[in-house]
Amino acid sequence: MIHNLSLNGSLITNYLAEIRDVEIQKDAMRFRLNLERMAELMGYEISKTLPHHQKEVKTPLGISNDFVLSEQPVLVTILRAGLAMHNGLLRVFDRADNGYVSAYRKHTTREDFDIHVEYLASPSLHDRICILSDPMLATGNSMLAVLDALKEIGEPKKIIIMAAIATPYALENVQKAFPKDTEIWVAAIDETLTSESYIVPGLGDAGDLAFGVKL
């Protein structure tokens, strides 16, 4: 299932407009902050779909029965571009376990590249709820590479993917490869993918904008 949060105006779309803005995004600190705030709000929306149960809570004046998460998810992100959104999610799910995967484009030509995964640090995903975050889903190939890598550390019972911007091409790719009950949460869907696999209108290179231009 795809949840497109750009269909209605909210603070999520407000922050989305700022990370797209060619002038505002020049401020790397604000760019990171906006990604983090988007992730916090998207995490809140995701939390409504997770299992909850009522817990008896003792207050100074009595007893209250409140809904709390039945289990904590594992938050997995792709280094380095995903770190800002991961930090936002971690503020919402502040007791979650964390996983990190390095997945990057290894270019053979300007337009052709493979996705390489060289590092994985994560707890077991067996029978866990796994939330995968990455700012941009251009082709979806990075997510597919991450899925292959994560198979080594257990099969989650539920996978949720969160991205700021995705293309229809990436969404189709991911839906074909991931389990049928996988949920995908995006702040926007942009229709165009260039020959170099960049999203248009997109926002540029999220990793470079957040952390500096890489060599």
Protein backbone atom coordinates (compact mmCIF):
# COMPACT_ATOMS: atom_id res chain seq x y z
CA MET A 1 0.00 0.00 0.00
CA ILE A 2 1.23 3.49 -0.87
CA HIS A 3 0.47 6.45 1.41
CA ASN A 4 1.02 9.73 -0.46
CA LEU A 5 1.03 12.50 2.13
CA SER A 6 1.16 15.30 -0.47
CA LEU A 7 -2.52 14.88 -1.35
CA ASN A 8 -3.44 17.23 1.50
CA GLY A 9 -1.64 20.26 2.86
CA SER A 10 0.17 19.84 6.19
CA LEU A 11 3.41 20.76 7.90
CA ILE A 12 4.92 17.83 5.99
CA THR A 13 4.23 19.54 2.66
CA ASN A 14 5.45 22.83 4.13
CA TYR A 15 8.83 21.29 4.99
CA LEU A 16 8.82 19.51 1.62
CA ALA A 17 8.55 22.87 -0.15
CA GLU A 18 11.53 24.15 1.82
CA ILE A 19 13.82 21.20 1.07
CA ARG A 20 12.97 21.62 -2.62
CA ASP A 21 13.58 25.37 -2.67
CA VAL A 22 16.87 26.10 -4.45
CA GLU A 23 17.63 29.03 -2.13
CA ILE A 24 16.50 27.63 1.22
CA GLN A 25 18.30 24.31 0.66
CA LYS A 26 21.65 26.14 0.49
CA ASP A 27 21.50 26.23 4.29
CA ALA A 28 22.64 22.67 5.08
CA MET A 29 21.63 22.92 8.73
CA ARG A 30 18.08 23.95 7.80
CA PHE A 31 17.93 21.27 5.10
CA ARG A 32 18.83 18.58 7.65
CA LEU A 33 16.39 20.04 10.17
CA ASN A 34 13.55 20.03 7.65
CA LEU A 35 14.24 16.39 6.76
CA GLU A 36 14.25 15.52 10.46
CA ARG A 37 10.97 17.37 11.09
CA MET A 38 9.36 15.70 8.08
CA ALA A 39 10.43 12.31 9.41
CA GLU A 40 9.04 13.07 12.86
CA LEU A 41 5.64 13.93 11.40
CA MET A 42 5.67 10.98 9.01
CA GLY A 43 6.68 8.74 11.90
CA TYR A 44 3.68 10.01 13.85
CA GLU A 45 1.39 9.08 10.95
CA ILE A 46 3.01 5.65 10.70
CA SER A 47 2.62 5.10 14.45
CA LYS A 48 -1.17 5.15 14.08
CA THR A 49 -0.97 1.96 12.00
CA LEU A 50 1.23 0.00 14.43
CA PRO A 51 -0.08 -2.42 17.07
CA HIS A 52 -1.08 -0.84 20.39
CA HIS A 53 -2.49 -2.14 23.64
CA GLN A 54 -3.93 -0.55 26.74
CA LYS A 55 -1.61 -0.19 29.68
CA GLU A 56 -2.55 0.57 33.26
CA VAL A 57 -0.61 3.64 34.37
CA LYS A 58 -0.41 4.84 37.96
CA THR A 59 -0.66 8.62 38.25
CA PRO A 60 -0.23 10.76 41.41
CA LEU A 61 -4.04 10.79 41.75
CA GLY A 62 -5.21 7.45 40.44
CA ILE A 63 -5.06 4.89 37.65
CA SER A 64 -5.29 5.59 33.91
CA ASN A 65 -5.62 3.14 31.03
CA ASP A 66 -3.73 4.42 27.98
CA PHE A 67 -2.83 3.03 24.57
CA VAL A 68 0.90 2.36 24.11
CA LEU A 69 2.94 0.66 21.38
CA SER A 70 2.85 -3.10 21.73
CA GLU A 71 6.41 -3.39 20.40
CA GLN A 72 9.23 -1.16 19.24
CA PRO A 73 10.23 -1.18 15.57
CA VAL A 74 13.71 -1.51 14.13
CA LEU A 75 14.67 1.68 12.28
CA VAL A 76 16.97 1.01 9.32
CA THR A 77 18.46 3.70 7.11
CA ILE A 78 20.83 4.01 4.18
CA LEU A 79 24.11 5.83 4.84
CA ARG A 80 24.68 8.75 4.49
CA ALA A 81 21.69 10.46 2.91
CA GLY A 82 19.21 8.77 5.22
CA LEU A 83 20.74 9.93 8.50
CA ALA A 84 18.68 13.11 8.90
CA MET A 85 15.36 11.35 8.41
CA HIS A 86 16.56 8.50 10.63
CA ASN A 87 17.27 10.96 13.43
CA GLY A 88 13.77 12.37 13.09
CA LEU A 89 12.24 8.90 13.29
CA LEU A 90 14.40 8.08 16.30
CA ARG A 91 13.00 11.06 18.18
CA VAL A 92 9.49 9.65 17.66
CA PHE A 93 10.37 6.00 18.27
CA ASP A 94 12.92 6.80 20.96
CA ARG A 95 13.16 3.23 22.26
CA ALA A 96 13.59 1.62 18.85
CA ASP A 97 16.53 -0.51 17.78
CA ASN A 98 18.60 0.81 14.89
CA GLY A 99 20.19 -0.56 11.73
CA TYR A 100 22.52 1.06 9.19
CA VAL A 101 23.32 0.01 5.64
CA SER A 102 25.78 1.53 3.17
CA ALA A 103 24.29 1.45 -0.32
CA TYR A 104 25.77 3.65 -3.01
CA ARG A 105 25.92 4.05 -6.77
CA LYS A 106 29.05 2.66 -8.43
CA HIS A 107 29.06 4.28 -11.87
CA THR A 108 30.39 2.49 -14.92
CA THR A 109 29.37 5.39 -17.18
CA ARG A 110 27.64 8.68 -16.47
CA GLU A 111 24.26 7.02 -16.94
CA ASP A 112 24.95 3.41 -15.92
CA PHE A 113 25.62 2.27 -12.37
CA ASP A 114 25.29 -0.62 -9.96
CA ILE A 115 24.24 -0.44 -6.32
CA HIS A 116 26.94 -1.64 -3.91
CA VAL A 117 26.31 -2.61 -0.29
CA GLU A 118 29.51 -2.82 1.78
CA TYR A 119 28.40 -2.31 5.38
CA LEU A 120 25.51 -3.58 7.49
CA ALA A 121 25.02 -3.11 11.22
CA SER A 122 21.65 -4.13 12.61
CA PRO A 123 20.00 -6.26 15.26
CA SER A 124 18.08 -9.33 14.15
CA LEU A 125 14.98 -8.47 12.16
CA HIS A 126 13.32 -11.82 12.79
CA ASP A 127 9.62 -11.28 13.52
CA ARG A 128 10.17 -7.53 13.97
CA ILE A 129 8.53 -4.47 12.45
CA CYS A 130 11.16 -2.81 10.25
CA ILE A 131 10.94 0.81 9.10
CA LEU A 132 13.33 1.58 6.21
CA SER A 133 13.99 5.26 5.52
CA ASP A 134 15.70 7.03 2.63
CA PRO A 135 15.01 10.58 1.39
CA MET A 136 14.79 9.71 -2.30
CA LEU A 137 13.38 6.67 -4.10
CA ALA A 138 14.48 7.32 -7.67
CA THR A 139 14.74 3.84 -9.20
CA GLY A 140 14.18 1.83 -6.03
CA ASN A 141 17.38 -0.12 -6.69
CA SER A 142 19.00 0.98 -3.43
CA MET A 143 16.03 -0.35 -1.49
CA LEU A 144 16.21 -3.63 -3.39
CA ALA A 145 19.91 -3.94 -2.53
CA VAL A 146 19.14 -3.22 1.10
CA LEU A 147 16.39 -5.86 1.09
CA ASP A 148 18.87 -8.46 -0.18
CA ALA A 149 21.40 -7.48 2.51
CA LEU A 150 18.83 -7.61 5.30
CA LYS A 151 17.81 -11.16 4.41
CA GLU A 152 20.97 -12.30 6.22
CA ILE A 153 19.69 -11.07 9.59
CA GLY A 154 16.17 -12.42 9.77
CA GLU A 155 12.78 -12.02 8.16
CA PRO A 156 10.71 -9.15 9.57
CA LYS A 157 6.99 -9.67 10.03
CA LYS A 158 6.27 -6.23 8.61
CA ILE A 159 8.24 -3.80 6.41
CA ILE A 160 7.44 -0.10 6.18
CA ILE A 161 9.32 2.14 3.76
CA MET A 162 9.47 5.90 4.29
CA ALA A 163 10.80 8.45 1.79
CA ALA A 164 10.50 12.16 1.17
CA ILE A 165 10.14 11.85 -2.61
CA ALA A 166 9.60 8.83 -4.86
CA THR A 167 8.92 8.18 -8.54
CA PRO A 168 6.24 5.86 -9.92
CA TYR A 169 9.06 3.76 -11.41
CA ALA A 170 10.65 3.23 -8.00
CA LEU A 171 7.35 2.48 -6.33
CA GLU A 172 6.57 -0.16 -8.94
CA ASN A 173 10.03 -1.71 -8.55
CA VAL A 174 9.75 -1.86 -4.78
CA GLN A 175 6.23 -3.25 -4.80
CA LYS A 176 7.29 -6.08 -7.10
CA ALA A 177 10.26 -7.11 -4.95
CA PHE A 178 9.04 -6.55 -1.40
CA PRO A 179 6.38 -8.59 0.44
CA LYS A 180 2.82 -7.76 -0.61
CA ASP A 181 1.89 -6.24 2.75
CA THR A 182 4.78 -3.73 2.63
CA GLU A 183 3.61 -0.17 3.26
CA ILE A 184 5.27 2.78 1.54
CA TRP A 185 4.92 6.27 3.00
CA VAL A 186 6.03 9.23 0.87
CA ALA A 187 5.74 13.00 1.18
CA ALA A 188 5.52 13.38 -2.62
CA ILE A 189 5.50 11.42 -5.87
CA ASP A 190 7.38 13.08 -8.75
CA GLU A 191 6.67 11.71 -12.21
CA THR A 192 9.97 12.27 -14.05
CA LEU A 193 13.21 10.27 -13.82
CA THR A 194 16.17 11.49 -15.91
CA SER A 195 18.54 9.27 -17.90
CA GLU A 196 20.99 9.65 -15.00
CA SER A 197 18.30 8.45 -12.55
CA TYR A 198 17.64 11.77 -10.87
CA ILE A 199 14.12 12.79 -9.86
CA VAL A 200 12.49 15.83 -11.50
CA PRO A 201 11.47 18.24 -10.06
CA GLY A 202 12.96 16.48 -7.03
CA LEU A 203 15.36 18.47 -4.90
CA GLY A 204 18.88 17.54 -6.04
CA ASP A 205 21.28 15.24 -4.19
CA ALA A 206 19.91 14.88 -0.66
CA GLY A 207 23.17 13.53 0.77
CA ASP A 208 25.25 16.38 -0.64
CA LEU A 209 22.74 19.01 0.47
CA ALA A 210 22.65 17.63 4.00
CA PHE A 211 26.30 16.75 4.56
CA GLY A 212 28.42 18.42 1.86
CA VAL A 213 29.47 17.51 -1.66
CA LYS A 214 31.26 14.16 -1.78
CA LEU A 215 34.29 13.40 -3.93
